[in-house]
């Protein structure tokens, strides 16, 4: 199974600021859309279907984002996502935005999602089937690293 899937996106006019740079807030939309695409295309997993069937999904509890180089109007970018860590009721996903050649990093996002029961309105532990899936998909860093250290590492690419 692909632990770090990629998708192509084009930066669109309504998402840009007056300098033709992708608006800072819109990076989150591109990242979240890419993660949804990756879950469905690469893992045949629909968070929307899970809500209907199990009444659970994940809600964002924390985002850490660094803007390294601007993404420009009509530029084609690649976005990757990877499950870096998971726990009893949460997951940490790293998402990277690259130029089309995957030679220059544009931005990095660390998002923490909490498994949430829509019906009870409470955080809920992951089920055994999810735990099995996470064990296969987890792509941990070789050593413990802070967001700042990771950003510094990516800037050198």
N, C-alpha and C. Protein backbone atom coordinates (compact mmCIF):
# COMPACT_ATOMS: atom_id res chain seq x y z
N UNK A 1 0.83 -1.20 0.00
CA UNK A 1 0.00 0.00 0.00
C UNK A 1 0.87 1.26 0.00
N UNK A 2 0.44 2.22 -0.75
CA UNK A 2 1.17 3.49 -0.85
C UNK A 2 1.02 4.26 0.47
N UNK A 3 2.14 4.52 1.13
CA UNK A 3 2.09 5.24 2.41
C UNK A 3 2.13 6.75 2.24
N UNK A 4 2.57 7.20 1.06
CA UNK A 4 2.64 8.64 0.80
C UNK A 4 2.08 8.92 -0.59
N UNK A 5 0.76 8.91 -0.72
CA UNK A 5 0.18 9.20 -2.03
C UNK A 5 0.30 10.67 -2.42
N UNK A 6 0.31 10.92 -3.73
CA UNK A 6 0.39 12.26 -4.30
C UNK A 6 -0.80 12.52 -5.20
N UNK A 7 -1.17 13.78 -5.31
CA UNK A 7 -2.18 14.24 -6.27
C UNK A 7 -1.73 15.57 -6.85
N UNK A 8 -2.16 15.83 -8.09
CA UNK A 8 -1.86 17.11 -8.75
C UNK A 8 -3.04 18.05 -8.58
N UNK A 9 -2.72 19.33 -8.39
CA UNK A 9 -3.74 20.38 -8.30
C UNK A 9 -3.21 21.62 -9.00
N UNK A 10 -4.14 22.42 -9.48
CA UNK A 10 -3.77 23.69 -10.10
C UNK A 10 -4.29 24.81 -9.22
N UNK A 11 -3.43 25.78 -8.95
CA UNK A 11 -3.81 26.92 -8.11
C UNK A 11 -4.73 27.83 -8.93
N UNK A 12 -5.90 28.09 -8.41
CA UNK A 12 -6.94 28.82 -9.13
C UNK A 12 -7.06 30.27 -8.69
N UNK A 13 -7.55 31.09 -9.59
CA UNK A 13 -7.67 32.53 -9.38
C UNK A 13 -8.42 32.92 -8.10
N UNK A 14 -9.61 32.36 -7.83
CA UNK A 14 -10.33 32.83 -6.63
C UNK A 14 -9.64 32.48 -5.31
N UNK A 15 -8.62 31.63 -5.37
CA UNK A 15 -7.90 31.21 -4.17
C UNK A 15 -6.66 32.05 -3.89
N UNK A 16 -6.42 33.04 -4.74
CA UNK A 16 -5.18 33.83 -4.64
C UNK A 16 -5.41 35.22 -4.06
N UNK A 17 -4.33 35.77 -3.53
CA UNK A 17 -4.34 37.14 -3.00
C UNK A 17 -3.96 38.11 -4.13
N UNK A 18 -3.91 39.42 -3.87
CA UNK A 18 -3.58 40.37 -4.94
C UNK A 18 -2.19 40.21 -5.54
N UNK A 19 -1.31 39.46 -4.86
CA UNK A 19 0.04 39.22 -5.37
C UNK A 19 0.13 37.94 -6.22
N UNK A 20 -1.03 37.34 -6.51
CA UNK A 20 -1.11 36.08 -7.26
C UNK A 20 -0.49 34.91 -6.51
N UNK A 21 -0.43 35.00 -5.19
CA UNK A 21 0.01 33.89 -4.33
C UNK A 21 -1.23 33.22 -3.77
N UNK A 22 -1.15 31.92 -3.58
CA UNK A 22 -2.24 31.21 -2.92
C UNK A 22 -2.45 31.84 -1.54
N UNK A 23 -3.68 32.22 -1.24
CA UNK A 23 -4.02 32.82 0.05
C UNK A 23 -3.69 31.84 1.17
N UNK A 24 -3.11 32.34 2.25
CA UNK A 24 -2.67 31.48 3.36
C UNK A 24 -3.79 30.56 3.85
N UNK A 25 -4.99 31.06 3.98
CA UNK A 25 -6.10 30.24 4.49
C UNK A 25 -6.49 29.15 3.49
N UNK A 26 -6.29 29.39 2.23
CA UNK A 26 -6.69 28.41 1.20
C UNK A 26 -5.76 27.20 1.15
N UNK A 27 -4.54 27.33 1.65
CA UNK A 27 -3.65 26.16 1.72
C UNK A 27 -4.36 25.02 2.45
N UNK A 28 -5.04 25.34 3.53
CA UNK A 28 -5.74 24.30 4.30
C UNK A 28 -6.78 23.59 3.45
N UNK A 29 -7.51 24.33 2.63
CA UNK A 29 -8.51 23.72 1.75
C UNK A 29 -7.86 22.75 0.76
N UNK A 30 -6.76 23.19 0.15
CA UNK A 30 -6.06 22.32 -0.80
C UNK A 30 -5.54 21.07 -0.10
N UNK A 31 -4.95 21.24 1.07
CA UNK A 31 -4.44 20.09 1.82
C UNK A 31 -5.56 19.12 2.21
N UNK A 32 -6.65 19.64 2.76
CA UNK A 32 -7.74 18.76 3.21
C UNK A 32 -8.42 18.06 2.04
N UNK A 33 -8.59 18.76 0.93
CA UNK A 33 -9.16 18.13 -0.26
C UNK A 33 -8.25 17.00 -0.75
N UNK A 34 -6.95 17.25 -0.73
CA UNK A 34 -6.00 16.22 -1.16
C UNK A 34 -6.08 15.00 -0.25
N UNK A 35 -6.14 15.22 1.06
CA UNK A 35 -6.21 14.07 1.97
C UNK A 35 -7.48 13.25 1.72
N UNK A 36 -8.61 13.92 1.54
CA UNK A 36 -9.85 13.21 1.22
C UNK A 36 -9.68 12.40 -0.08
N UNK A 37 -9.09 13.02 -1.09
CA UNK A 37 -8.86 12.33 -2.36
C UNK A 37 -7.99 11.10 -2.15
N UNK A 38 -6.94 11.24 -1.35
CA UNK A 38 -6.02 10.12 -1.10
C UNK A 38 -6.72 8.98 -0.37
N UNK A 39 -7.53 9.32 0.63
CA UNK A 39 -8.24 8.28 1.38
C UNK A 39 -9.14 7.47 0.45
N UNK A 40 -9.85 8.16 -0.42
CA UNK A 40 -10.80 7.47 -1.29
C UNK A 40 -10.11 6.74 -2.44
N UNK A 41 -9.14 7.39 -3.09
CA UNK A 41 -8.51 6.79 -4.27
C UNK A 41 -7.52 5.67 -3.91
N UNK A 42 -6.68 5.90 -2.91
CA UNK A 42 -5.61 4.95 -2.61
C UNK A 42 -6.01 3.89 -1.59
N UNK A 43 -6.96 4.23 -0.71
CA UNK A 43 -7.30 3.31 0.39
C UNK A 43 -8.75 2.85 0.36
N UNK A 44 -9.51 3.30 -0.66
CA UNK A 44 -10.92 2.95 -0.78
C UNK A 44 -11.65 3.18 0.56
N UNK A 45 -11.38 4.33 1.15
CA UNK A 45 -11.96 4.67 2.45
C UNK A 45 -12.65 6.03 2.34
N UNK A 46 -13.94 6.05 2.58
CA UNK A 46 -14.69 7.30 2.52
C UNK A 46 -15.09 7.72 3.93
N UNK A 47 -14.58 8.85 4.41
CA UNK A 47 -15.00 9.32 5.73
C UNK A 47 -16.50 9.62 5.78
N UNK A 48 -17.08 9.96 4.64
CA UNK A 48 -18.51 10.27 4.59
C UNK A 48 -19.35 9.00 4.74
N UNK A 49 -18.88 7.93 4.14
CA UNK A 49 -19.57 6.64 4.29
C UNK A 49 -19.46 6.16 5.74
N UNK A 50 -18.31 6.40 6.36
CA UNK A 50 -18.12 5.99 7.76
C UNK A 50 -19.10 6.74 8.67
N UNK A 51 -19.32 8.00 8.42
CA UNK A 51 -20.28 8.77 9.22
C UNK A 51 -21.67 8.13 9.10
N UNK A 52 -22.06 7.79 7.87
CA UNK A 52 -23.38 7.18 7.65
C UNK A 52 -23.50 5.83 8.35
N UNK A 53 -22.47 5.01 8.24
CA UNK A 53 -22.54 3.64 8.75
C UNK A 53 -22.24 3.53 10.24
N UNK A 54 -21.19 4.20 10.71
CA UNK A 54 -20.74 4.02 12.10
C UNK A 54 -21.06 5.22 12.99
N UNK A 55 -21.39 6.34 12.36
CA UNK A 55 -21.65 7.54 13.14
C UNK A 55 -20.39 8.19 13.68
N UNK A 56 -19.23 7.78 13.13
CA UNK A 56 -17.97 8.36 13.58
C UNK A 56 -17.18 8.89 12.40
N UNK A 57 -16.32 9.84 12.71
CA UNK A 57 -15.36 10.36 11.74
C UNK A 57 -14.28 11.06 12.54
N UNK A 58 -13.52 11.90 11.89
CA UNK A 58 -12.45 12.62 12.58
C UNK A 58 -12.69 14.11 12.43
N UNK A 59 -12.38 14.83 13.49
CA UNK A 59 -12.44 16.29 13.45
C UNK A 59 -11.04 16.82 13.69
N UNK A 60 -10.74 17.93 13.06
CA UNK A 60 -9.43 18.54 13.22
C UNK A 60 -9.34 19.14 14.62
N UNK A 61 -8.29 18.78 15.35
CA UNK A 61 -8.09 19.36 16.67
C UNK A 61 -6.89 20.29 16.70
N UNK A 62 -6.01 20.18 15.70
CA UNK A 62 -4.83 21.04 15.67
C UNK A 62 -4.25 21.07 14.27
N UNK A 63 -3.84 22.23 13.82
CA UNK A 63 -3.10 22.40 12.56
C UNK A 63 -1.84 23.19 12.84
N UNK A 64 -0.73 22.73 12.27
CA UNK A 64 0.54 23.48 12.29
C UNK A 64 0.96 23.57 10.83
N UNK A 65 1.10 24.79 10.34
CA UNK A 65 1.43 24.98 8.93
C UNK A 65 2.60 25.94 8.80
N UNK A 66 3.48 25.64 7.84
CA UNK A 66 4.59 26.54 7.52
C UNK A 66 4.53 26.82 6.02
N UNK A 67 4.66 28.08 5.68
CA UNK A 67 4.66 28.53 4.29
C UNK A 67 6.12 28.75 3.91
N UNK A 68 6.66 27.90 3.06
CA UNK A 68 8.09 27.93 2.76
C UNK A 68 8.36 28.71 1.47
N UNK A 69 7.62 28.40 0.42
CA UNK A 69 7.70 29.14 -0.85
C UNK A 69 6.28 29.37 -1.34
N UNK A 70 6.02 30.47 -2.03
CA UNK A 70 4.64 30.73 -2.47
C UNK A 70 4.20 29.77 -3.58
N UNK A 71 2.93 29.42 -3.53
CA UNK A 71 2.27 28.72 -4.64
C UNK A 71 1.58 29.81 -5.46
N UNK A 72 1.80 29.81 -6.75
CA UNK A 72 1.38 30.93 -7.60
C UNK A 72 0.17 30.59 -8.46
N UNK A 73 -0.53 31.63 -8.85
CA UNK A 73 -1.71 31.51 -9.71
C UNK A 73 -1.42 30.63 -10.92
N UNK A 74 -2.28 29.64 -11.16
CA UNK A 74 -2.24 28.71 -12.28
C UNK A 74 -1.05 27.74 -12.24
N UNK A 75 -0.31 27.76 -11.16
CA UNK A 75 0.79 26.81 -11.01
C UNK A 75 0.24 25.43 -10.70
N UNK A 76 0.85 24.41 -11.26
CA UNK A 76 0.51 23.03 -10.92
C UNK A 76 1.38 22.61 -9.74
N UNK A 77 0.73 22.07 -8.71
CA UNK A 77 1.45 21.62 -7.52
C UNK A 77 1.12 20.15 -7.25
N UNK A 78 1.99 19.50 -6.52
CA UNK A 78 1.76 18.15 -6.05
C UNK A 78 1.55 18.22 -4.54
N UNK A 79 0.56 17.47 -4.06
CA UNK A 79 0.31 17.41 -2.63
C UNK A 79 0.37 15.95 -2.20
N UNK A 80 1.18 15.70 -1.17
CA UNK A 80 1.27 14.36 -0.60
C UNK A 80 0.69 14.38 0.80
N UNK A 81 0.29 13.20 1.26
CA UNK A 81 -0.17 13.08 2.65
C UNK A 81 0.33 11.75 3.20
N UNK A 82 0.55 11.74 4.51
CA UNK A 82 1.11 10.54 5.13
C UNK A 82 0.71 10.49 6.60
N UNK A 83 0.26 9.32 7.03
CA UNK A 83 -0.07 9.10 8.44
C UNK A 83 1.25 8.94 9.20
N UNK A 84 1.58 9.91 10.03
CA UNK A 84 2.86 9.90 10.73
C UNK A 84 2.78 9.26 12.11
N UNK A 85 1.61 9.37 12.75
CA UNK A 85 1.46 8.84 14.09
C UNK A 85 -0.01 8.62 14.36
N UNK A 86 -0.33 7.62 15.17
CA UNK A 86 -1.72 7.41 15.58
C UNK A 86 -1.74 6.93 17.01
N UNK A 87 -2.84 7.23 17.68
CA UNK A 87 -3.03 6.82 19.06
C UNK A 87 -4.40 6.22 19.24
N UNK A 88 -4.79 6.06 20.47
CA UNK A 88 -6.07 5.43 20.80
C UNK A 88 -7.25 6.13 20.13
N UNK A 89 -7.21 7.47 20.08
CA UNK A 89 -8.35 8.20 19.52
C UNK A 89 -7.94 9.36 18.61
N UNK A 90 -6.68 9.36 18.16
CA UNK A 90 -6.26 10.46 17.29
C UNK A 90 -5.25 9.97 16.26
N UNK A 91 -5.08 10.78 15.20
CA UNK A 91 -4.06 10.53 14.18
C UNK A 91 -3.37 11.85 13.86
N UNK A 92 -2.10 11.74 13.47
CA UNK A 92 -1.37 12.91 12.99
C UNK A 92 -0.98 12.64 11.55
N UNK A 93 -1.38 13.56 10.67
CA UNK A 93 -1.11 13.44 9.24
C UNK A 93 -0.21 14.59 8.83
N UNK A 94 0.81 14.26 8.05
CA UNK A 94 1.67 15.29 7.46
C UNK A 94 1.27 15.43 6.01
N UNK A 95 1.10 16.68 5.57
CA UNK A 95 0.81 16.96 4.17
C UNK A 95 1.85 17.95 3.65
N UNK A 96 2.34 17.67 2.46
CA UNK A 96 3.36 18.51 1.84
C UNK A 96 2.87 19.00 0.49
N UNK A 97 3.13 20.26 0.19
CA UNK A 97 2.84 20.81 -1.13
C UNK A 97 4.17 21.09 -1.81
N UNK A 98 4.32 20.52 -3.02
CA UNK A 98 5.55 20.64 -3.80
C UNK A 98 5.26 21.36 -5.12
N UNK A 99 6.32 21.81 -5.79
CA UNK A 99 6.17 22.25 -7.17
C UNK A 99 5.89 21.02 -8.04
N UNK A 100 5.59 21.22 -9.30
CA UNK A 100 5.18 20.10 -10.16
C UNK A 100 6.27 19.06 -10.38
N UNK A 101 7.53 19.44 -10.20
CA UNK A 101 8.65 18.51 -10.38
C UNK A 101 9.06 17.82 -9.07
N UNK A 102 8.38 18.17 -8.02
CA UNK A 102 8.69 17.68 -6.67
C UNK A 102 10.15 17.96 -6.31
N UNK A 103 10.61 19.16 -6.70
CA UNK A 103 11.98 19.55 -6.38
C UNK A 103 12.04 20.66 -5.34
N UNK A 104 10.93 21.40 -5.21
CA UNK A 104 10.89 22.50 -4.23
C UNK A 104 9.63 22.38 -3.39
N UNK A 105 9.82 22.43 -2.10
CA UNK A 105 8.70 22.36 -1.17
C UNK A 105 8.06 23.74 -1.06
N UNK A 106 6.74 23.77 -1.06
CA UNK A 106 5.99 25.02 -0.93
C UNK A 106 5.50 25.22 0.50
N UNK A 107 4.97 24.14 1.08
CA UNK A 107 4.35 24.26 2.39
C UNK A 107 4.28 22.89 3.06
N UNK A 108 4.23 22.90 4.39
CA UNK A 108 4.05 21.67 5.16
C UNK A 108 2.93 21.91 6.18
N UNK A 109 2.10 20.90 6.35
CA UNK A 109 1.02 20.95 7.33
C UNK A 109 1.08 19.69 8.18
N UNK A 110 1.05 19.86 9.48
CA UNK A 110 0.82 18.75 10.40
C UNK A 110 -0.58 18.95 10.95
N UNK A 111 -1.44 18.01 10.70
CA UNK A 111 -2.82 18.09 11.18
C UNK A 111 -3.08 16.93 12.14
N UNK A 112 -3.69 17.26 13.26
CA UNK A 112 -4.09 16.23 14.23
C UNK A 112 -5.60 16.13 14.16
N UNK A 113 -6.09 14.89 13.98
CA UNK A 113 -7.51 14.61 13.89
C UNK A 113 -7.90 13.72 15.07
N UNK A 114 -9.04 14.02 15.66
CA UNK A 114 -9.56 13.24 16.78
C UNK A 114 -10.77 12.44 16.29
N UNK A 115 -10.81 11.16 16.64
CA UNK A 115 -11.92 10.28 16.27
C UNK A 115 -13.13 10.67 17.12
N UNK A 116 -14.22 11.00 16.45
CA UNK A 116 -15.36 11.64 17.12
C UNK A 116 -16.64 10.92 16.74
N UNK A 117 -17.48 10.67 17.73
CA UNK A 117 -18.79 10.05 17.52
C UNK A 117 -19.81 11.17 17.34
N UNK A 118 -20.39 11.25 16.16
CA UNK A 118 -21.35 12.31 15.83
C UNK A 118 -22.61 12.18 16.68
N UNK A 119 -23.02 10.96 16.96
CA UNK A 119 -24.26 10.73 17.71
C UNK A 119 -24.13 11.10 19.19
N UNK A 120 -23.00 10.73 19.82
CA UNK A 120 -22.82 11.02 21.25
C UNK A 120 -22.14 12.35 21.50
N UNK A 121 -21.55 12.92 20.43
CA UNK A 121 -20.80 14.18 20.51
C UNK A 121 -19.60 14.06 21.45
N UNK A 122 -18.94 12.89 21.40
CA UNK A 122 -17.78 12.65 22.26
C UNK A 122 -16.65 12.01 21.45
N UNK A 123 -15.42 12.24 21.94
CA UNK A 123 -14.25 11.57 21.38
C UNK A 123 -14.41 10.08 21.64
N UNK A 124 -14.01 9.28 20.66
CA UNK A 124 -14.18 7.84 20.77
C UNK A 124 -12.89 7.12 20.36
N UNK A 125 -12.58 6.03 21.01
CA UNK A 125 -11.41 5.22 20.66
C UNK A 125 -11.57 4.62 19.27
N UNK A 126 -10.45 4.41 18.62
CA UNK A 126 -10.48 3.76 17.32
C UNK A 126 -10.90 2.30 17.49
N UNK A 127 -11.60 1.80 16.51
CA UNK A 127 -12.05 0.41 16.51
C UNK A 127 -10.91 -0.50 16.05
N UNK A 128 -10.99 -1.80 16.31
CA UNK A 128 -9.92 -2.72 15.87
C UNK A 128 -9.66 -2.68 14.37
N UNK A 129 -10.69 -2.51 13.54
CA UNK A 129 -10.46 -2.45 12.10
C UNK A 129 -9.64 -1.22 11.71
N UNK A 130 -9.87 -0.10 12.39
CA UNK A 130 -9.08 1.11 12.12
C UNK A 130 -7.64 0.91 12.60
N UNK A 131 -7.48 0.32 13.76
CA UNK A 131 -6.14 0.07 14.30
C UNK A 131 -5.33 -0.80 13.35
N UNK A 132 -5.95 -1.82 12.78
CA UNK A 132 -5.28 -2.67 11.79
C UNK A 132 -4.84 -1.87 10.58
N UNK A 133 -5.73 -1.04 10.11
CA UNK A 133 -5.43 -0.20 8.94
C UNK A 133 -4.29 0.76 9.24
N UNK A 134 -4.32 1.38 10.41
CA UNK A 134 -3.27 2.34 10.78
C UNK A 134 -1.91 1.66 10.87
N UNK A 135 -1.87 0.45 11.38
CA UNK A 135 -0.60 -0.27 11.50
C UNK A 135 0.05 -0.47 10.13
N UNK A 136 -0.76 -0.69 9.12
CA UNK A 136 -0.25 -0.89 7.76
C UNK A 136 0.17 0.44 7.13
N UNK A 137 -0.58 1.50 7.40
CA UNK A 137 -0.36 2.77 6.72
C UNK A 137 0.59 3.73 7.43
N UNK A 138 0.87 3.49 8.69
CA UNK A 138 1.72 4.42 9.45
C UNK A 138 3.08 4.56 8.78
N UNK A 139 3.53 5.80 8.69
CA UNK A 139 4.80 6.14 8.07
C UNK A 139 5.56 7.07 9.03
N UNK A 140 6.05 6.52 10.14
CA UNK A 140 6.64 7.37 11.17
C UNK A 140 7.99 7.96 10.74
N UNK A 141 8.36 9.05 11.38
CA UNK A 141 9.69 9.61 11.18
C UNK A 141 10.71 8.66 11.80
N UNK A 142 11.95 8.65 11.29
CA UNK A 142 12.97 7.77 11.86
C UNK A 142 13.27 8.07 13.35
N UNK A 143 13.08 9.33 13.73
CA UNK A 143 13.28 9.70 15.12
C UNK A 143 12.27 10.79 15.48
N UNK A 144 12.10 11.01 16.77
CA UNK A 144 11.17 12.05 17.22
C UNK A 144 11.67 13.40 16.72
N UNK A 145 10.75 14.18 16.20
CA UNK A 145 11.12 15.45 15.60
C UNK A 145 10.00 16.46 15.85
N UNK A 146 10.37 17.70 16.14
CA UNK A 146 9.38 18.75 16.32
C UNK A 146 8.97 19.31 14.96
N UNK A 147 7.87 20.05 14.96
CA UNK A 147 7.42 20.68 13.73
C UNK A 147 8.48 21.65 13.21
N UNK A 148 9.10 22.39 14.12
CA UNK A 148 10.13 23.35 13.73
C UNK A 148 11.33 22.65 13.09
N UNK A 149 11.73 21.51 13.67
CA UNK A 149 12.85 20.75 13.10
C UNK A 149 12.50 20.21 11.72
N UNK A 150 11.27 19.74 11.57
CA UNK A 150 10.83 19.22 10.27
C UNK A 150 10.80 20.33 9.23
N UNK A 151 10.30 21.48 9.61
CA UNK A 151 10.26 22.62 8.68
C UNK A 151 11.66 23.01 8.25
N UNK A 152 12.57 23.07 9.19
CA UNK A 152 13.96 23.41 8.88
C UNK A 152 14.56 22.39 7.90
N UNK A 153 14.29 21.10 8.13
CA UNK A 153 14.76 20.03 7.26
C UNK A 153 14.21 20.20 5.84
N UNK A 154 12.91 20.51 5.73
CA UNK A 154 12.28 20.67 4.42
C UNK A 154 12.79 21.89 3.67
N UNK A 155 13.15 22.94 4.38
CA UNK A 155 13.68 24.14 3.73
C UNK A 155 14.98 23.88 3.02
N UNK A 156 15.71 22.85 3.44
CA UNK A 156 16.99 22.51 2.83
C UNK A 156 16.83 21.74 1.52
N UNK A 157 15.63 21.27 1.25
CA UNK A 157 15.39 20.49 0.01
C UNK A 157 15.36 21.38 -1.20
